[in-house]
Amino acid sequence: MTNPTGPGPLRLGIAGLGTVGTGVVKIIQRQAARLTARTGRDIVITAVGARSRDKDRGVRLGEYEWENDPVALATRDDVDVFVELVGGDTGPALEATRAALKAGKDVVTANKAMLAHHGQELAELAESKGSVLRFEAAVAGGIPVVKALTEGLAGNEMSRVMGVMNGTCNYILTRMESGGIGYNAVFAEAADLGYLEADPNLDVGGIDAGHKLALLAAIAFGTRVDFDNVTLEGIQRISIDDITQAADMGYRIKLLGVAQMTARGLEQRMTPCLVPTASPLGQLEGGTNMVVLEGDSVGQTVLRGAGAGMGPTASAVLSDVIDIARGTRLSTFGQPAHTLTVAKPANAPTPAPFYLRIRLQDKPGALAKIATVLGDAGISIDRMRQYDHKDSSAPVLIVTHKTTRDALDVALAGMAGTGVLVGDPVALRIEEV
């Protein structure tokens, strides 16, 4: 029981009883005594709500008040913290979050899309009302990366945030490699296992992970969330040939998010990249997430863990609830919202080596024409490998020295005019980790 001379119970209203919402209820029911011991007050649920009241969710809900309307739930007098687990960047989630903050409630959310599009507005609203808006569960599931940036590494000037932040994409890529299976077959397998969002492009198109990267960049660099300037490229064009041939060259392919502040401006990209097989990111398997943080004092910190699922994501929600119960009051993005700057988007990505996979007509001088085009664009070749072929075309792999994406695009356009290409080239950045 709560000490009678201490604070009263912290009362939660939970909107959304899907996988994560149900997980939060289960943790609170199972760990009630431990939560009280660790915070000095009881954490209780007073009301819940979801689309369907009659669905069997495998958890006791009869002891809580039920609200069909998330806005009504968010503004109840017996709710101190509104836990938003509805999802979606607009609609009921946004309306209820705004209503809760306007009513002076604290808000905990797992909604990366909403914050990626409306984070600045909601952060300013929270601060104007003396409320807090926390979102540990919105990024990388059970990995406490938001807390790491806002608290543990707050004394650092961050130079780069990098990571694999979508477990579905990592599962697809590693399954392609381990099983020697093409993208379409593994995509269907992931769908059958329930790994994909209702709109699969949110996963495989890099959008979901791009939302997360934009939020981490805002914290790391003290800037306003700028999802519109995140460069997005999905994994749909990655073939089994890319997987196996990159491995031959000592690399693995990951959907990799990178944010860094450069002299050119803020660079944010969520794209398929090659990373060294021996690196921590290169060794990441299955649906696991990994975030790499680099600061001037701490150097490089690597965080690895489950990026999704009932337990890990609900655990992240509870971490924010526990902070509020303990009286920890942090700004949404680690510093007052009005002090966040508008970052200038980088006018060009940082130079890097690139992996090129091309297929050439099997005739004399074809490779020499490609080498000439690269040289004319100012791109030098680091390594090159040609594979055996059974038809009239020859697969060729090229790893370049560092170059800019603009120079590479010039070279790719020049290759198209040589008359020796069969199909379109594949170009992937090689990220130094």
Protein backbone atom coordinates (compact mmCIF):
# COMPACT_ATOMS: atom_id res chain seq x y z
CA MET A 1 0.00 0.00 0.00
CA THR A 2 0.99 3.60 -0.53
CA ASN A 3 2.40 5.41 2.47
CA PRO A 4 -0.61 7.38 3.82
CA THR A 5 1.60 10.45 4.24
CA GLY A 6 2.95 10.22 0.68
CA PRO A 7 1.40 11.05 -2.69
CA GLY A 8 -1.83 9.46 -3.76
CA PRO A 9 -2.10 6.90 -6.54
CA LEU A 10 -1.15 7.80 -10.10
CA ARG A 11 -4.29 7.14 -12.13
CA LEU A 12 -4.02 6.02 -15.74
CA GLY A 13 -6.49 6.13 -18.60
CA ILE A 14 -5.47 3.78 -21.41
CA ALA A 15 -6.79 4.32 -24.94
CA GLY A 16 -6.13 1.39 -27.24
CA LEU A 17 -6.13 -2.23 -26.11
CA GLY A 18 -4.23 -3.92 -28.89
CA THR A 19 -0.98 -5.77 -28.35
CA VAL A 20 0.76 -2.94 -26.50
CA GLY A 21 -2.23 -1.69 -24.49
CA THR A 22 -3.02 -5.20 -23.31
CA GLY A 23 0.63 -5.63 -22.40
CA VAL A 24 0.57 -2.50 -20.25
CA VAL A 25 -2.50 -3.72 -18.38
CA LYS A 26 -0.85 -7.09 -17.77
CA ILE A 27 2.33 -5.54 -16.37
CA ILE A 28 0.40 -3.26 -14.01
CA GLN A 29 -1.74 -6.14 -12.78
CA ARG A 30 1.24 -8.47 -12.37
CA GLN A 31 3.78 -6.00 -10.97
CA ALA A 32 1.59 -3.73 -8.83
CA ALA A 33 3.57 -4.23 -5.63
CA ARG A 34 6.92 -3.81 -7.37
CA LEU A 35 5.79 -0.60 -9.11
CA THR A 36 4.66 0.82 -5.78
CA ALA A 37 7.97 -0.09 -4.15
CA ARG A 38 9.96 1.52 -6.93
CA THR A 39 7.97 4.74 -7.22
CA GLY A 40 6.64 5.33 -3.71
CA ARG A 41 3.02 5.43 -4.91
CA ASP A 42 0.44 3.12 -6.37
CA ILE A 43 0.03 3.06 -10.15
CA VAL A 44 -3.58 2.22 -10.96
CA ILE A 45 -5.77 2.06 -14.04
CA THR A 46 -9.08 3.88 -13.66
CA ALA A 47 -10.45 3.76 -17.21
CA VAL A 48 -9.77 2.14 -20.56
CA GLY A 49 -11.17 2.30 -24.06
CA ALA A 50 -10.86 0.66 -27.48
CA ARG A 51 -12.86 0.08 -30.65
CA SER A 52 -14.54 -3.07 -29.34
CA ARG A 53 -15.59 -3.67 -25.77
CA ASP A 54 -16.57 -7.32 -26.26
CA LYS A 55 -13.30 -8.65 -27.67
CA ASP A 56 -11.54 -11.24 -25.50
CA ARG A 57 -8.09 -9.82 -24.86
CA GLY A 58 -6.97 -12.37 -22.29
CA VAL A 59 -6.75 -9.81 -19.49
CA ARG A 60 -9.08 -8.59 -16.73
CA LEU A 61 -10.81 -5.35 -17.71
CA GLY A 62 -14.07 -5.48 -15.76
CA GLU A 63 -12.68 -3.52 -12.82
CA TYR A 64 -12.02 -0.43 -14.96
CA GLU A 65 -14.40 2.20 -16.28
CA TRP A 66 -14.95 1.98 -20.05
CA GLU A 67 -14.96 4.91 -22.47
CA ASN A 68 -15.80 4.49 -26.14
CA ASP A 69 -14.58 8.01 -26.94
CA PRO A 70 -10.80 8.55 -26.52
CA VAL A 71 -11.34 12.29 -25.95
CA ALA A 72 -13.75 11.58 -23.10
CA LEU A 73 -11.23 9.14 -21.65
CA ALA A 74 -8.41 11.66 -21.97
CA THR A 75 -10.29 14.35 -20.05
CA ARG A 76 -11.79 12.32 -17.18
CA ASP A 77 -11.33 13.84 -13.74
CA ASP A 78 -10.02 10.54 -12.38
CA VAL A 79 -7.22 10.27 -14.98
CA ASP A 80 -3.81 11.82 -14.25
CA VAL A 81 -1.91 10.26 -17.15
CA PHE A 82 -3.45 9.59 -20.55
CA VAL A 83 -1.77 6.60 -22.21
CA GLU A 84 -2.33 6.89 -25.97
CA LEU A 85 -1.94 3.55 -27.77
CA VAL A 86 -4.50 4.06 -30.52
CA GLY A 87 -2.01 4.86 -33.30
CA GLY A 88 -2.25 7.00 -36.43
CA ASP A 89 -0.86 10.47 -37.04
CA THR A 90 -4.32 12.13 -37.10
CA GLY A 91 -7.86 11.27 -36.05
CA PRO A 92 -8.76 10.03 -32.55
CA ALA A 93 -5.16 9.68 -31.37
CA LEU A 94 -4.25 13.28 -32.14
CA GLU A 95 -7.58 14.68 -30.95
CA ALA A 96 -7.40 12.82 -27.64
CA THR A 97 -3.74 13.75 -27.06
CA ARG A 98 -4.48 17.41 -27.65
CA ALA A 99 -7.50 17.22 -25.33
CA ALA A 100 -5.50 15.55 -22.57
CA LEU A 101 -2.72 18.15 -22.73
CA LYS A 102 -5.18 21.05 -22.83
CA ALA A 103 -6.78 19.58 -19.70
CA GLY A 104 -3.40 19.57 -17.95
CA LYS A 105 -2.92 15.81 -18.10
CA ASP A 106 0.41 14.12 -18.64
CA VAL A 107 0.57 11.94 -21.76
CA VAL A 108 2.53 8.78 -22.53
CA THR A 109 2.37 7.53 -26.12
CA ALA A 110 3.88 4.92 -28.42
CA ASN A 111 2.78 6.86 -31.49
CA LYS A 112 5.83 7.72 -33.61
CA ALA A 113 3.76 8.81 -36.62
CA MET A 114 1.81 11.38 -34.62
CA LEU A 115 4.95 12.82 -33.07
CA ALA A 116 6.88 12.81 -36.34
CA HIS A 117 4.18 15.02 -37.88
CA HIS A 118 2.90 17.00 -34.86
CA GLY A 119 5.65 16.71 -32.27
CA GLN A 120 6.55 20.39 -32.07
CA GLU A 121 2.94 21.50 -31.65
CA LEU A 122 2.25 18.88 -28.97
CA ALA A 123 5.50 19.59 -27.11
CA GLU A 124 4.70 23.31 -26.97
CA LEU A 125 1.16 22.56 -25.82
CA ALA A 126 2.42 20.26 -23.07
CA GLU A 127 4.85 22.86 -21.78
CA SER A 128 2.26 25.63 -21.86
CA LYS A 129 0.10 23.53 -19.52
CA GLY A 130 2.90 22.29 -17.27
CA SER A 131 2.36 18.74 -18.53
CA VAL A 132 4.81 16.19 -19.83
CA LEU A 133 4.61 14.23 -23.08
CA ARG A 134 6.79 11.12 -23.15
CA PHE A 135 7.34 8.58 -25.92
CA GLU A 136 9.98 5.98 -25.04
CA ALA A 137 7.81 3.24 -26.59
CA ALA A 138 7.62 5.06 -29.93
CA VAL A 139 11.23 4.30 -30.87
CA ALA A 140 12.95 0.90 -30.97
CA GLY A 141 10.50 -0.96 -28.72
CA GLY A 142 12.16 -2.07 -25.50
CA ILE A 143 15.47 -0.27 -26.11
CA PRO A 144 15.63 2.79 -23.79
CA VAL A 145 17.15 5.03 -26.44
CA VAL A 146 15.02 8.13 -25.73
CA LYS A 147 16.04 7.98 -22.08
CA ALA A 148 19.66 7.44 -23.09
CA LEU A 149 19.66 10.62 -25.18
CA THR A 150 17.59 12.84 -22.87
CA GLU A 151 19.27 11.72 -19.66
CA GLY A 152 22.33 9.48 -19.75
CA LEU A 153 24.05 11.25 -22.65
CA ALA A 154 22.63 14.73 -22.09
CA GLY A 155 26.11 16.10 -21.37
CA ASN A 156 27.37 15.17 -24.84
CA GLU A 157 27.40 16.98 -28.14
CA MET A 158 26.02 14.23 -30.34
CA SER A 159 27.65 13.73 -33.73
CA ARG A 160 25.69 10.84 -35.18
CA VAL A 161 22.65 8.67 -34.48
CA MET A 162 22.48 5.48 -36.47
CA GLY A 163 20.54 2.26 -36.32
CA VAL A 164 18.33 -0.55 -37.50
CA MET A 165 14.91 0.52 -36.25
CA ASN A 166 12.45 -1.72 -38.06
CA GLY A 167 12.52 -5.34 -37.00
CA THR A 168 10.37 -6.49 -39.92
CA CYS A 169 12.89 -5.24 -42.48
CA ASN A 170 15.77 -6.77 -40.57
CA TYR A 171 13.90 -10.06 -40.40
CA ILE A 172 13.29 -10.02 -44.16
CA LEU A 173 16.90 -9.22 -45.03
CA THR A 174 18.46 -11.75 -42.66
CA ARG A 175 15.93 -14.42 -43.68
CA MET A 176 16.77 -13.83 -47.35
CA GLU A 177 20.42 -14.42 -46.50
CA SER A 178 20.04 -17.43 -44.20
CA GLY A 179 17.49 -19.19 -46.38
CA GLY A 180 18.71 -18.15 -49.80
CA ILE A 181 15.15 -16.98 -50.48
CA GLY A 182 14.05 -14.09 -52.68
CA TYR A 183 12.37 -10.94 -51.39
CA ASN A 184 8.84 -11.76 -52.51
CA ALA A 185 8.83 -15.17 -50.80
CA VAL A 186 10.16 -13.77 -47.52
CA PHE A 187 7.71 -10.85 -47.68
CA ALA A 188 4.84 -13.36 -47.91
CA GLU A 189 6.33 -15.32 -45.02
CA ALA A 190 6.54 -12.17 -42.87
CA ALA A 191 2.91 -11.36 -43.70
CA ASP A 192 1.81 -14.86 -42.66
CA LEU A 193 3.66 -14.46 -39.36
CA GLY A 194 1.88 -11.15 -38.67
CA TYR A 195 5.09 -9.10 -38.78
CA LEU A 196 3.83 -6.49 -41.26
CA GLU A 197 1.78 -3.36 -40.61
CA ALA A 198 -1.73 -3.16 -42.09
CA ASP A 199 -0.06 -0.97 -44.74
CA PRO A 200 3.14 -2.97 -45.45
CA ASN A 201 4.81 0.04 -47.07
CA LEU A 202 5.14 1.59 -43.62
CA ASP A 203 7.61 -1.21 -42.88
CA VAL A 204 9.33 -2.16 -46.13
CA GLY A 205 9.20 1.39 -47.51
CA GLY A 206 11.16 2.73 -44.54
CA ILE A 207 8.39 5.10 -43.37
CA ASP A 208 7.96 3.60 -39.89
CA ALA A 209 11.70 3.65 -39.27
CA GLY A 210 11.95 7.15 -40.75
CA HIS A 211 9.47 8.44 -38.16
CA LYS A 212 11.69 7.03 -35.42
CA LEU A 213 14.85 8.52 -36.89
CA ALA A 214 13.27 11.99 -37.08
CA LEU A 215 12.38 11.82 -33.38
CA LEU A 216 15.87 10.74 -32.34
CA ALA A 217 17.45 13.45 -34.49
CA ALA A 218 15.36 16.12 -32.75
CA ILE A 219 16.62 14.99 -29.35
CA ALA A 220 20.22 14.45 -30.41
CA PHE A 221 20.69 17.79 -32.16
CA GLY A 222 18.20 20.06 -30.37
CA THR A 223 16.17 20.62 -33.52
CA ARG A 224 12.49 20.58 -34.39
CA VAL A 225 11.23 17.27 -35.74
CA ASP A 226 11.62 17.34 -39.51
CA PHE A 227 10.29 14.11 -40.96
CA ASP A 228 9.61 15.79 -44.31
CA ASN A 229 13.34 16.00 -44.93
CA VAL A 230 14.17 12.40 -44.10
CA THR A 231 15.41 10.65 -47.25
CA LEU A 232 13.45 7.40 -47.53
CA GLU A 233 14.22 4.33 -49.59
CA GLY A 234 12.76 0.92 -48.86
CA ILE A 235 14.12 -2.59 -49.27
CA GLN A 236 11.82 -3.69 -52.11
CA ARG A 237 14.58 -3.61 -54.74
CA ILE A 238 17.07 -5.70 -52.74
CA SER A 239 17.59 -9.04 -54.46
CA ILE A 240 19.03 -12.29 -53.25
CA ASP A 241 21.98 -11.54 -55.55
CA ASP A 242 22.67 -8.34 -53.62
CA ILE A 243 22.50 -10.25 -50.33
CA THR A 244 24.90 -13.00 -51.39
CA GLN A 245 27.30 -10.85 -53.38
CA ALA A 246 27.55 -8.21 -50.66
CA ALA A 247 28.42 -11.04 -48.28
CA ASP A 248 31.19 -12.13 -50.65
CA MET A 249 32.63 -8.63 -50.35
CA GLY A 250 32.48 -8.68 -46.52
CA TYR A 251 29.23 -6.76 -46.04
CA ARG A 252 25.61 -7.25 -45.00
CA ILE A 253 22.66 -5.16 -46.15
CA LYS A 254 20.55 -3.36 -43.55
CA LEU A 255 17.77 -0.78 -43.70
CA LEU A 256 19.87 1.76 -41.86
CA GLY A 257 18.85 5.09 -40.40
CA VAL A 258 21.53 7.76 -40.09
CA ALA A 259 21.18 11.29 -38.73
CA GLN A 260 24.14 13.61 -38.39
CA MET A 261 24.74 17.34 -38.20
CA THR A 262 27.28 18.39 -40.82
CA ALA A 263 28.61 21.62 -42.28
CA ARG A 264 26.05 21.08 -45.06
CA GLY A 265 23.17 20.91 -42.55
CA LEU A 266 21.17 18.12 -40.89
CA GLU A 267 21.44 14.86 -42.79
CA GLN A 268 18.65 12.35 -42.19
CA ARG A 269 18.27 9.21 -44.27
CA MET A 270 16.61 5.83 -43.89
CA THR A 271 17.93 3.72 -46.75
CA PRO A 272 19.38 0.27 -47.47
CA CYS A 273 23.11 0.36 -46.78
CA LEU A 274 26.00 -2.06 -46.62
CA VAL A 275 27.73 -2.40 -43.25
CA PRO A 276 30.81 -4.51 -42.45
CA THR A 277 29.82 -8.06 -41.50
CA ALA A 278 32.05 -7.94 -38.42
CA SER A 279 30.47 -4.74 -37.06
CA PRO A 280 27.75 -4.81 -34.37
CA LEU A 281 25.17 -3.75 -36.96
CA GLY A 282 26.43 -6.39 -39.37
CA GLN A 283 25.90 -9.11 -36.78
CA LEU A 284 22.33 -8.10 -36.01
CA GLU A 285 19.88 -10.92 -36.76
CA GLY A 286 16.12 -11.37 -37.13
CA GLY A 287 13.67 -8.84 -35.74
CA THR A 288 16.10 -7.28 -33.29
CA ASN A 289 16.79 -3.52 -33.32
CA MET A 290 20.07 -1.72 -32.69
CA VAL A 291 20.79 1.98 -32.18
CA VAL A 292 24.31 3.45 -32.22
CA LEU A 293 24.83 6.82 -30.52
CA GLU A 294 28.02 8.84 -30.92
CA GLY A 295 28.92 11.76 -28.65
CA ASP A 296 31.98 13.93 -28.14
CA SER A 297 32.66 12.71 -24.59
CA VAL A 298 31.19 9.21 -24.49
CA GLY A 299 32.37 8.07 -27.89
CA GLN A 300 30.21 5.31 -29.36
CA THR A 301 27.40 3.63 -27.41
CA VAL A 302 25.55 0.64 -28.84
CA LEU A 303 22.05 -0.30 -27.66
CA ARG A 304 20.51 -3.59 -28.79
CA GLY A 305 17.18 -5.22 -28.01
CA ALA A 306 13.68 -6.19 -29.05
CA GLY A 307 12.22 -3.53 -31.30
CA ALA A 308 8.58 -4.55 -31.04
CA GLY A 309 6.19 -6.96 -29.37
CA MET A 310 3.85 -6.88 -26.40
CA GLY A 311 6.37 -7.17 -23.58
CA PRO A 312 9.19 -4.92 -24.82
CA THR A 313 6.93 -2.07 -26.00
CA ALA A 314 4.69 -2.22 -22.92
CA SER A 315 7.85 -2.15 -20.80
CA ALA A 316 8.85 1.10 -22.53
CA VAL A 317 5.41 2.62 -21.87
CA LEU A 318 5.75 1.73 -18.19
CA SER A 319 9.20 3.33 -18.01
CA ASP A 320 7.62 6.69 -18.86
CA VAL A 321 4.75 6.11 -16.42
CA ILE A 322 7.26 5.26 -13.69
CA ASP A 323 9.21 8.47 -14.32
CA ILE A 324 6.02 10.48 -13.92
CA ALA A 325 5.14 8.59 -10.73
CA ARG A 326 8.58 9.42 -9.35
CA GLY A 327 8.13 13.09 -10.14
CA THR A 328 10.58 13.24 -13.06
CA ARG A 329 9.43 16.03 -15.39
CA LEU A 330 11.36 16.21 -18.66
CA SER A 331 10.78 18.28 -21.78
CA THR A 332 9.46 16.19 -24.65
CA PHE A 333 12.63 16.37 -26.76
CA GLY A 334 15.12 16.87 -23.93
CA GLN A 335 15.00 20.66 -23.84
CA PRO A 336 12.22 23.27 -23.83
CA ALA A 337 10.30 23.13 -27.09
CA HIS A 338 10.73 26.84 -27.82
CA THR A 339 14.53 26.42 -27.77
CA LEU A 340 14.53 23.75 -30.49
CA THR A 341 16.01 25.19 -33.68
CA VAL A 342 14.82 24.77 -37.26
CA ALA A 343 17.57 22.74 -38.87
CA LYS A 344 18.77 23.45 -42.36
CA PRO A 345 18.45 20.20 -44.31
CA ALA A 346 21.76 18.98 -45.70
CA ASN A 347 22.08 19.92 -49.35
CA ALA A 348 23.98 16.69 -50.04
CA PRO A 349 24.78 13.49 -48.13
CA THR A 350 28.23 12.96 -46.67
CA PRO A 351 30.58 11.28 -49.20
CA ALA A 352 30.86 7.50 -48.81
CA PRO A 353 31.94 4.40 -50.72
CA PHE A 354 29.21 2.75 -52.77
CA TYR A 355 28.39 -0.79 -53.86
CA LEU A 356 27.31 -1.11 -57.48
CA ARG A 357 25.76 -4.20 -59.02
CA ILE A 358 25.51 -4.06 -62.78
CA ARG A 359 24.85 -6.59 -65.52
CA LEU A 360 26.77 -6.08 -68.76
CA GLN A 361 26.39 -7.44 -72.24
CA ASP A 362 28.98 -10.13 -72.77
CA LYS A 363 31.04 -8.41 -75.44
CA PRO A 364 34.53 -6.90 -75.65
CA GLY A 365 35.02 -3.44 -74.17
CA ALA A 366 31.82 -3.40 -72.12
CA LEU A 367 33.58 -3.17 -68.77
CA ALA A 368 36.03 -0.59 -70.08
CA LYS A 369 33.11 1.67 -71.03
CA ILE A 370 31.73 1.47 -67.47
CA ALA A 371 35.13 2.22 -65.97
CA THR A 372 35.47 5.23 -68.26
CA VAL A 373 32.08 6.59 -67.25
CA LEU A 374 33.00 6.26 -63.57
CA GLY A 375 36.34 7.98 -64.14
CA ASP A 376 34.71 10.83 -66.07
CA ALA A 377 32.41 11.37 -63.05
CA GLY A 378 35.45 11.54 -60.75
CA ILE A 379 34.76 8.15 -59.15
CA SER A 380 37.62 5.72 -58.56
CA ILE A 381 37.18 1.96 -58.16
CA ASP A 382 38.35 0.30 -54.95
CA ARG A 383 37.39 -3.30 -55.76
CA MET A 384 35.70 -5.08 -58.60
CA ARG A 385 34.46 -8.64 -59.07
CA GLN A 386 32.98 -10.36 -62.09
CA TYR A 387 30.89 -13.51 -61.70
CA ASP A 388 30.48 -16.47 -64.00
CA HIS A 389 27.50 -16.23 -66.29
CA LYS A 390 25.35 -18.65 -68.21
CA ASP A 391 23.66 -16.34 -70.68
CA SER A 392 24.73 -13.41 -72.82
CA SER A 393 25.18 -11.04 -69.87
CA ALA A 394 27.81 -10.82 -67.13
CA PRO A 395 27.14 -9.72 -63.53
CA VAL A 396 29.75 -7.30 -62.17
CA LEU A 397 30.21 -5.88 -58.66
CA ILE A 398 32.08 -2.65 -58.04
CA VAL A 399 32.99 -1.03 -54.72
CA THR A 400 33.98 2.60 -55.17
CA HIS A 401 36.18 4.83 -53.10
CA LYS A 402 34.35 7.63 -51.29
CA THR A 403 32.23 9.74 -53.58
CA THR A 404 29.14 11.88 -53.47
CA ARG A 405 25.69 10.66 -54.40
CA ASP A 406 25.48 13.44 -57.00
CA ALA A 407 28.63 12.19 -58.74
CA LEU A 408 27.27 8.65 -58.62
CA ASP A 409 23.98 9.73 -60.17
CA VAL A 410 25.91 11.39 -63.00
CA ALA A 411 27.81 8.15 -63.53
CA LEU A 412 24.63 6.04 -63.50
CA ALA A 413 23.08 8.30 -66.10
CA GLY A 414 26.23 7.99 -68.19
CA MET A 415 26.13 4.19 -67.93
CA ALA A 416 22.63 4.16 -69.35
CA GLY A 417 23.99 5.75 -72.53
CA THR A 418 26.78 3.25 -73.11
CA GLY A 419 24.55 0.61 -74.67
CA VAL A 420 26.22 -2.19 -72.67
CA LEU A 421 23.92 -2.41 -69.63
CA VAL A 422 21.37 -5.16 -69.19
CA GLY A 423 18.70 -3.90 -66.77
CA ASP A 424 19.10 -1.13 -64.21
CA PRO A 425 22.14 -0.91 -61.91
CA VAL A 426 21.71 -1.23 -58.15
CA ALA A 427 23.64 1.31 -56.05
CA LEU A 428 23.87 1.04 -52.26
CA ARG A 429 25.79 3.25 -49.86
CA ILE A 430 28.45 1.63 -47.65
CA GLU A 431 28.23 3.10 -44.17
CA GLU A 432 31.28 3.35 -41.93
CA VAL A 433 30.42 2.00 -38.49
